[in-house]
Amino acid sequence: MAKVITNQIRRLRFDHNEMTQQELADAINVSRQTVVAIEKGKYSPSLEVAFKIADVFSKPIGEVFEYKEA
């Protein structure tokens, strides 16, 4: 079975004072469209961007992203 990368970005944004996609994009220096694509699982972020996202939420990367069977 194929594996996919999933993420908890939407939940983390909500738990982080309902942070908008634009606010997250500004914090990690990418476009809002990039955040939308990552959040929806349509695009896998670079390792650097993944770590930046985890850092914004003060979470280990494994709590933001998971690599698991589809």
PDB file of N, CA and C in Angstrom:
ATOM      1  N   MET A   1       0.845  -1.186   0.000  1.00  0.00           N
ATOM      2  CA  MET A   1       0.000   0.000   0.000  1.00  0.00           C
ATOM      3  C   MET A   1       0.890   1.250   0.000  1.00  0.00           C
ATOM      4  N   ALA A   2       0.456   2.253  -0.717  1.00  0.00           N
ATOM      5  CA  ALA A   2       1.226   3.506  -0.820  1.00  0.00           C
ATOM      6  C   ALA A   2       1.131   4.310   0.472  1.00  0.00           C
ATOM      7  N   LYS A   3       2.185   5.059   0.725  1.00  0.00           N
ATOM      8  CA  LYS A   3       2.190   5.931   1.898  1.00  0.00           C
ATOM      9  C   LYS A   3       1.983   7.371   1.462  1.00  0.00           C
ATOM     10  N   VAL A   4       1.389   8.146   2.336  1.00  0.00           N
ATOM     11  CA  VAL A   4       1.129   9.553   2.053  1.00  0.00           C
ATOM     12  C   VAL A   4       1.540  10.401   3.255  1.00  0.00           C
ATOM     13  N   ILE A   5       1.778  11.674   2.984  1.00  0.00           N
ATOM     14  CA  ILE A   5       2.073  12.610   4.068  1.00  0.00           C
ATOM     15  C   ILE A   5       0.780  13.310   4.436  1.00  0.00           C
ATOM     16  N   THR A   6       0.428  13.255   5.699  1.00  0.00           N
ATOM     17  CA  THR A   6      -0.746  13.967   6.197  1.00  0.00           C
ATOM     18  C   THR A   6      -0.260  15.034   7.171  1.00  0.00           C
ATOM     19  N   ASN A   7      -1.150  15.982   7.494  1.00  0.00           N
ATOM     20  CA  ASN A   7      -0.744  17.022   8.425  1.00  0.00           C
ATOM     21  C   ASN A   7      -1.893  17.479   9.311  1.00  0.00           C
ATOM     22  N   GLN A   8      -1.527  18.159  10.369  1.00  0.00           N
ATOM     23  CA  GLN A   8      -2.479  18.683  11.346  1.00  0.00           C
ATOM     24  C   GLN A   8      -2.525  20.215  11.307  1.00  0.00           C
ATOM     25  N   ILE A   9      -2.145  20.808  10.189  1.00  0.00           N
ATOM     26  CA  ILE A   9      -2.007  22.267  10.132  1.00  0.00           C
ATOM     27  C   ILE A   9      -3.325  22.980  10.425  1.00  0.00           C
ATOM     28  N   ARG A  10      -4.391  22.513   9.828  1.00  0.00           N
ATOM     29  CA  ARG A  10      -5.684  23.196  10.044  1.00  0.00           C
ATOM     30  C   ARG A  10      -6.049  23.207  11.523  1.00  0.00           C
ATOM     31  N   ARG A  11      -5.938  22.068  12.187  1.00  0.00           N
ATOM     32  CA  ARG A  11      -6.265  21.995  13.618  1.00  0.00           C
ATOM     33  C   ARG A  11      -5.325  22.870  14.437  1.00  0.00           C
ATOM     34  N   LEU A  12      -4.044  22.835  14.093  1.00  0.00           N
ATOM     35  CA  LEU A  12      -3.073  23.644  14.828  1.00  0.00           C
ATOM     36  C   LEU A  12      -3.338  25.138  14.646  1.00  0.00           C
ATOM     37  N   ARG A  13      -3.722  25.542  13.445  1.00  0.00           N
ATOM     38  CA  ARG A  13      -4.063  26.954  13.217  1.00  0.00           C
ATOM     39  C   ARG A  13      -5.256  27.349  14.075  1.00  0.00           C
ATOM     40  N   PHE A  14      -6.269  26.476  14.109  1.00  0.00           N
ATOM     41  CA  PHE A  14      -7.468  26.753  14.898  1.00  0.00           C
ATOM     42  C   PHE A  14      -7.110  26.873  16.384  1.00  0.00           C
ATOM     43  N   ASP A  15      -6.275  25.948  16.864  1.00  0.00           N
ATOM     44  CA  ASP A  15      -5.871  25.948  18.274  1.00  0.00           C
ATOM     45  C   ASP A  15      -4.927  27.103  18.607  1.00  0.00           C
ATOM     46  N   HIS A  16      -4.357  27.719  17.586  1.00  0.00           N
ATOM     47  CA  HIS A  16      -3.387  28.802  17.768  1.00  0.00           C
ATOM     48  C   HIS A  16      -4.096  30.140  17.498  1.00  0.00           C
ATOM     49  N   ASN A  17      -5.123  30.405  18.324  1.00  0.00           N
ATOM     50  CA  ASN A  17      -5.918  31.635  18.202  1.00  0.00           C
ATOM     51  C   ASN A  17      -6.538  31.820  16.819  1.00  0.00           C
ATOM     52  N   GLU A  18      -6.967  30.692  16.224  1.00  0.00           N
ATOM     53  CA  GLU A  18      -7.612  30.706  14.910  1.00  0.00           C
ATOM     54  C   GLU A  18      -6.780  31.465  13.879  1.00  0.00           C
ATOM     55  N   MET A  19      -5.484  31.148  13.858  1.00  0.00           N
ATOM     56  CA  MET A  19      -4.554  31.745  12.898  1.00  0.00           C
ATOM     57  C   MET A  19      -5.053  31.518  11.477  1.00  0.00           C
ATOM     58  N   THR A  20      -4.981  32.563  10.650  1.00  0.00           N
ATOM     59  CA  THR A  20      -5.406  32.419   9.260  1.00  0.00           C
ATOM     60  C   THR A  20      -4.287  31.777   8.438  1.00  0.00           C
ATOM     61  N   GLN A  21      -4.671  31.289   7.266  1.00  0.00           N
ATOM     62  CA  GLN A  21      -3.668  30.736   6.356  1.00  0.00           C
ATOM     63  C   GLN A  21      -2.672  31.818   5.957  1.00  0.00           C
ATOM     64  N   GLN A  22      -3.158  33.045   5.786  1.00  0.00           N
ATOM     65  CA  GLN A  22      -2.265  34.148   5.415  1.00  0.00           C
ATOM     66  C   GLN A  22      -1.271  34.454   6.531  1.00  0.00           C
ATOM     67  N   GLU A  23      -1.721  34.427   7.779  1.00  0.00           N
ATOM     68  CA  GLU A  23      -0.818  34.675   8.909  1.00  0.00           C
ATOM     69  C   GLU A  23       0.273  33.613   8.978  1.00  0.00           C
ATOM     70  N   LEU A  24      -0.109  32.355   8.745  1.00  0.00           N
ATOM     71  CA  LEU A  24       0.885  31.285   8.736  1.00  0.00           C
ATOM     72  C   LEU A  24       1.847  31.479   7.569  1.00  0.00           C
ATOM     73  N   ALA A  25       1.313  31.796   6.404  1.00  0.00           N
ATOM     74  CA  ALA A  25       2.145  32.022   5.222  1.00  0.00           C
ATOM     75  C   ALA A  25       3.160  33.135   5.486  1.00  0.00           C
ATOM     76  N   ASP A  26       2.719  34.231   6.090  1.00  0.00           N
ATOM     77  CA  ASP A  26       3.615  35.345   6.398  1.00  0.00           C
ATOM     78  C   ASP A  26       4.696  34.914   7.382  1.00  0.00           C
ATOM     79  N   ALA A  27       4.316  34.089   8.362  1.00  0.00           N
ATOM     80  CA  ALA A  27       5.264  33.648   9.396  1.00  0.00           C
ATOM     81  C   ALA A  27       6.366  32.751   8.827  1.00  0.00           C
ATOM     82  N   ILE A  28       6.049  32.000   7.776  1.00  0.00           N
ATOM     83  CA  ILE A  28       7.041  31.074   7.218  1.00  0.00           C
ATOM     84  C   ILE A  28       7.562  31.519   5.852  1.00  0.00           C
ATOM     85  N   ASN A  29       7.116  32.701   5.430  1.00  0.00           N
ATOM     86  CA  ASN A  29       7.621  33.327   4.207  1.00  0.00           C
ATOM     87  C   ASN A  29       7.308  32.524   2.930  1.00  0.00           C
ATOM     88  N   VAL A  30       6.045  32.089   2.817  1.00  0.00           N
ATOM     89  CA  VAL A  30       5.548  31.462   1.594  1.00  0.00           C
ATOM     90  C   VAL A  30       4.211  32.115   1.244  1.00  0.00           C
ATOM     91  N   SER A  31       3.651  31.788   0.093  1.00  0.00           N
ATOM     92  CA  SER A  31       2.352  32.357  -0.285  1.00  0.00           C
ATOM     93  C   SER A  31       1.219  31.624   0.442  1.00  0.00           C
ATOM     94  N   ARG A  32       0.071  32.298   0.520  1.00  0.00           N
ATOM     95  CA  ARG A  32      -1.100  31.669   1.131  1.00  0.00           C
ATOM     96  C   ARG A  32      -1.505  30.437   0.322  1.00  0.00           C
ATOM     97  N   GLN A  33      -1.351  30.519  -1.006  1.00  0.00           N
ATOM     98  CA  GLN A  33      -1.697  29.381  -1.862  1.00  0.00           C
ATOM     99  C   GLN A  33      -0.840  28.158  -1.535  1.00  0.00           C
ATOM    100  N   THR A  34       0.408  28.387  -1.154  1.00  0.00           N
ATOM    101  CA  THR A  34       1.288  27.281  -0.753  1.00  0.00           C
ATOM    102  C   THR A  34       0.766  26.642   0.525  1.00  0.00           C
ATOM    103  N   VAL A  35       0.367  27.462   1.488  1.00  0.00           N
ATOM    104  CA  VAL A  35      -0.195  26.931   2.746  1.00  0.00           C
ATOM    105  C   VAL A  35      -1.454  26.134   2.451  1.00  0.00           C
ATOM    106  N   VAL A  36      -2.328  26.652   1.586  1.00  0.00           N
ATOM    107  CA  VAL A  36      -3.561  25.939   1.221  1.00  0.00           C
ATOM    108  C   VAL A  36      -3.225  24.567   0.635  1.00  0.00           C
ATOM    109  N   ALA A  37      -2.282  24.525  -0.305  1.00  0.00           N
ATOM    110  CA  ALA A  37      -1.916  23.264  -0.958  1.00  0.00           C
ATOM    111  C   ALA A  37      -1.312  22.272   0.029  1.00  0.00           C
ATOM    112  N   ILE A  38      -0.455  22.748   0.932  1.00  0.00           N
ATOM    113  CA  ILE A  38       0.151  21.862   1.943  1.00  0.00           C
ATOM    114  C   ILE A  38      -0.933  21.330   2.869  1.00  0.00           C
ATOM    115  N   GLU A  39      -1.790  22.235   3.352  1.00  0.00           N
ATOM    116  CA  GLU A  39      -2.850  21.855   4.287  1.00  0.00           C
ATOM    117  C   GLU A  39      -3.788  20.814   3.694  1.00  0.00           C
ATOM    118  N   LYS A  40      -4.094  20.944   2.412  1.00  0.00           N
ATOM    119  CA  LYS A  40      -5.000  20.002   1.732  1.00  0.00           C
ATOM    120  C   LYS A  40      -4.300  18.718   1.297  1.00  0.00           C
ATOM    121  N   GLY A  41      -2.979  18.636   1.506  1.00  0.00           N
ATOM    122  CA  GLY A  41      -2.250  17.434   1.126  1.00  0.00           C
ATOM    123  C   GLY A  41      -1.977  17.338  -0.359  1.00  0.00           C
ATOM    124  N   LYS A  42      -2.121  18.443  -1.084  1.00  0.00           N
ATOM    125  CA  LYS A  42      -1.872  18.450  -2.527  1.00  0.00           C
ATOM    126  C   LYS A  42      -0.410  18.730  -2.849  1.00  0.00           C
ATOM    127  N   TYR A  43       0.331  19.165  -1.845  1.00  0.00           N
ATOM    128  CA  TYR A  43       1.731  19.548  -2.037  1.00  0.00           C
ATOM    129  C   TYR A  43       2.502  19.197  -0.780  1.00  0.00           C
ATOM    130  N   SER A  44       3.641  18.551  -0.934  1.00  0.00           N
ATOM    131  CA  SER A  44       4.490  18.240   0.213  1.00  0.00           C
ATOM    132  C   SER A  44       5.533  19.348   0.354  1.00  0.00           C
ATOM    133  N   PRO A  45       5.613  19.942   1.545  1.00  0.00           N
ATOM    134  CA  PRO A  45       6.556  21.041   1.728  1.00  0.00           C
ATOM    135  C   PRO A  45       8.003  20.558   1.734  1.00  0.00           C
ATOM    136  N   SER A  46       8.902  21.473   1.474  1.00  0.00           N
ATOM    137  CA  SER A  46      10.320  21.155   1.634  1.00  0.00           C
ATOM    138  C   SER A  46      10.561  20.874   3.114  1.00  0.00           C
ATOM    139  N   LEU A  47      11.652  20.246   3.400  1.00  0.00           N
ATOM    140  CA  LEU A  47      11.993  19.964   4.788  1.00  0.00           C
ATOM    141  C   LEU A  47      12.098  21.267   5.580  1.00  0.00           C
ATOM    142  N   GLU A  48      12.704  22.280   4.979  1.00  0.00           N
ATOM    143  CA  GLU A  48      12.852  23.574   5.653  1.00  0.00           C
ATOM    144  C   GLU A  48      11.491  24.183   5.996  1.00  0.00           C
ATOM    145  N   VAL A  49      10.573  24.169   5.051  1.00  0.00           N
ATOM    146  CA  VAL A  49       9.238  24.727   5.296  1.00  0.00           C
ATOM    147  C   VAL A  49       8.502  23.901   6.346  1.00  0.00           C
ATOM    148  N   ALA A  50       8.636  22.597   6.306  1.00  0.00           N
ATOM    149  CA  ALA A  50       7.993  21.743   7.309  1.00  0.00           C
ATOM    150  C   ALA A  50       8.491  22.080   8.711  1.00  0.00           C
ATOM    151  N   PHE A  51       9.798  22.271   8.855  1.00  0.00           N
ATOM    152  CA  PHE A  51      10.342  22.633  10.166  1.00  0.00           C
ATOM    153  C   PHE A  51       9.877  24.019  10.593  1.00  0.00           C
ATOM    154  N   LYS A  52       9.775  24.948   9.642  1.00  0.00           N
ATOM    155  CA  LYS A  52       9.298  26.303   9.973  1.00  0.00           C
ATOM    156  C   LYS A  52       7.863  26.253  10.481  1.00  0.00           C
ATOM    157  N   ILE A  53       7.024  25.447   9.828  1.00  0.00           N
ATOM    158  CA  ILE A  53       5.634  25.307  10.265  1.00  0.00           C
ATOM    159  C   ILE A  53       5.584  24.745  11.681  1.00  0.00           C
ATOM    160  N   ALA A  54       6.341  23.681  11.926  1.00  0.00           N
ATOM    161  CA  ALA A  54       6.380  23.086  13.270  1.00  0.00           C
ATOM    162  C   ALA A  54       6.848  24.113  14.297  1.00  0.00           C
ATOM    163  N   ASP A  55       7.824  24.927  13.928  1.00  0.00           N
ATOM    164  CA  ASP A  55       8.368  25.940  14.835  1.00  0.00           C
ATOM    165  C   ASP A  55       7.321  26.992  15.185  1.00  0.00           C
ATOM    166  N   VAL A  56       6.520  27.408  14.212  1.00  0.00           N
ATOM    167  CA  VAL A  56       5.468  28.404  14.464  1.00  0.00           C
ATOM    168  C   VAL A  56       4.536  27.918  15.571  1.00  0.00           C
ATOM    169  N   PHE A  57       4.225  26.623  15.551  1.00  0.00           N
ATOM    170  CA  PHE A  57       3.301  26.064  16.532  1.00  0.00           C
ATOM    171  C   PHE A  57       4.009  25.477  17.760  1.00  0.00           C
ATOM    172  N   SER A  58       5.325  25.606  17.813  1.00  0.00           N
ATOM    173  CA  SER A  58       6.128  25.064  18.925  1.00  0.00           C
ATOM    174  C   SER A  58       5.854  23.575  19.137  1.00  0.00           C
ATOM    175  N   LYS A  59       5.815  22.849  18.029  1.00  0.00           N
ATOM    176  CA  LYS A  59       5.560  21.402  18.068  1.00  0.00           C
ATOM    177  C   LYS A  59       6.694  20.663  17.386  1.00  0.00           C
ATOM    178  N   PRO A  60       6.948  19.424  17.810  1.00  0.00           N
ATOM    179  CA  PRO A  60       7.900  18.599  17.057  1.00  0.00           C
ATOM    180  C   PRO A  60       7.298  18.318  15.681  1.00  0.00           C
ATOM    181  N   ILE A  61       8.140  18.177  14.695  1.00  0.00           N
ATOM    182  CA  ILE A  61       7.659  17.988  13.326  1.00  0.00           C
ATOM    183  C   ILE A  61       6.729  16.775  13.196  1.00  0.00           C
ATOM    184  N   GLY A  62       6.967  15.745  14.006  1.00  0.00           N
ATOM    185  CA  GLY A  62       6.132  14.546  13.974  1.00  0.00           C
ATOM    186  C   GLY A  62       4.721  14.762  14.483  1.00  0.00           C
ATOM    187  N   GLU A  63       4.467  15.873  15.175  1.00  0.00           N
ATOM    188  CA  GLU A  63       3.108  16.197  15.615  1.00  0.00           C
ATOM    189  C   GLU A  63       2.370  17.041  14.583  1.00  0.00           C
ATOM    190  N   VAL A  64       3.097  17.543  13.598  1.00  0.00           N
ATOM    191  CA  VAL A  64       2.488  18.348  12.540  1.00  0.00           C
ATOM    192  C   VAL A  64       2.283  17.499  11.287  1.00  0.00           C
ATOM    193  N   PHE A  65       3.286  16.698  10.947  1.00  0.00           N
ATOM    194  CA  PHE A  65       3.237  15.863   9.743  1.00  0.00           C
ATOM    195  C   PHE A  65       3.378  14.395  10.107  1.00  0.00           C
ATOM    196  N   GLU A  66       2.678  13.543   9.343  1.00  0.00           N
ATOM    197  CA  GLU A  66       2.782  12.104   9.517  1.00  0.00           C
ATOM    198  C   GLU A  66       2.976  11.462   8.143  1.00  0.00           C
ATOM    199  N   TYR A  67       3.777  10.427   8.100  1.00  0.00           N
ATOM    200  CA  TYR A  67       3.985   9.650   6.885  1.00  0.00           C
ATOM    201  C   TYR A  67       3.387   8.290   7.163  1.00  0.00           C
ATOM    202  N   LYS A  68       2.229   8.015   6.563  1.00  0.00           N
ATOM    203  CA  LYS A  68       1.530   6.768   6.898  1.00  0.00           C
ATOM    204  C   LYS A  68       0.855   6.174   5.674  1.00  0.00           C
ATOM    205  N   GLU A  69       0.416   4.941   5.841  1.00  0.00           N
ATOM    206  CA  GLU A  69      -0.266   4.272   4.737  1.00  0.00           C
ATOM    207  C   GLU A  69      -1.596   4.929   4.454  1.00  0.00           C
ATOM    208  N   ALA A  70      -1.906   5.037   3.171  1.00  0.00           N
ATOM    209  CA  ALA A  70      -3.156   5.701   2.742  1.00  0.00           C
ATOM    210  C   ALA A  70      -4.359   4.856   3.108  1.00  0.00           C
TER     211      ALA A  70
END
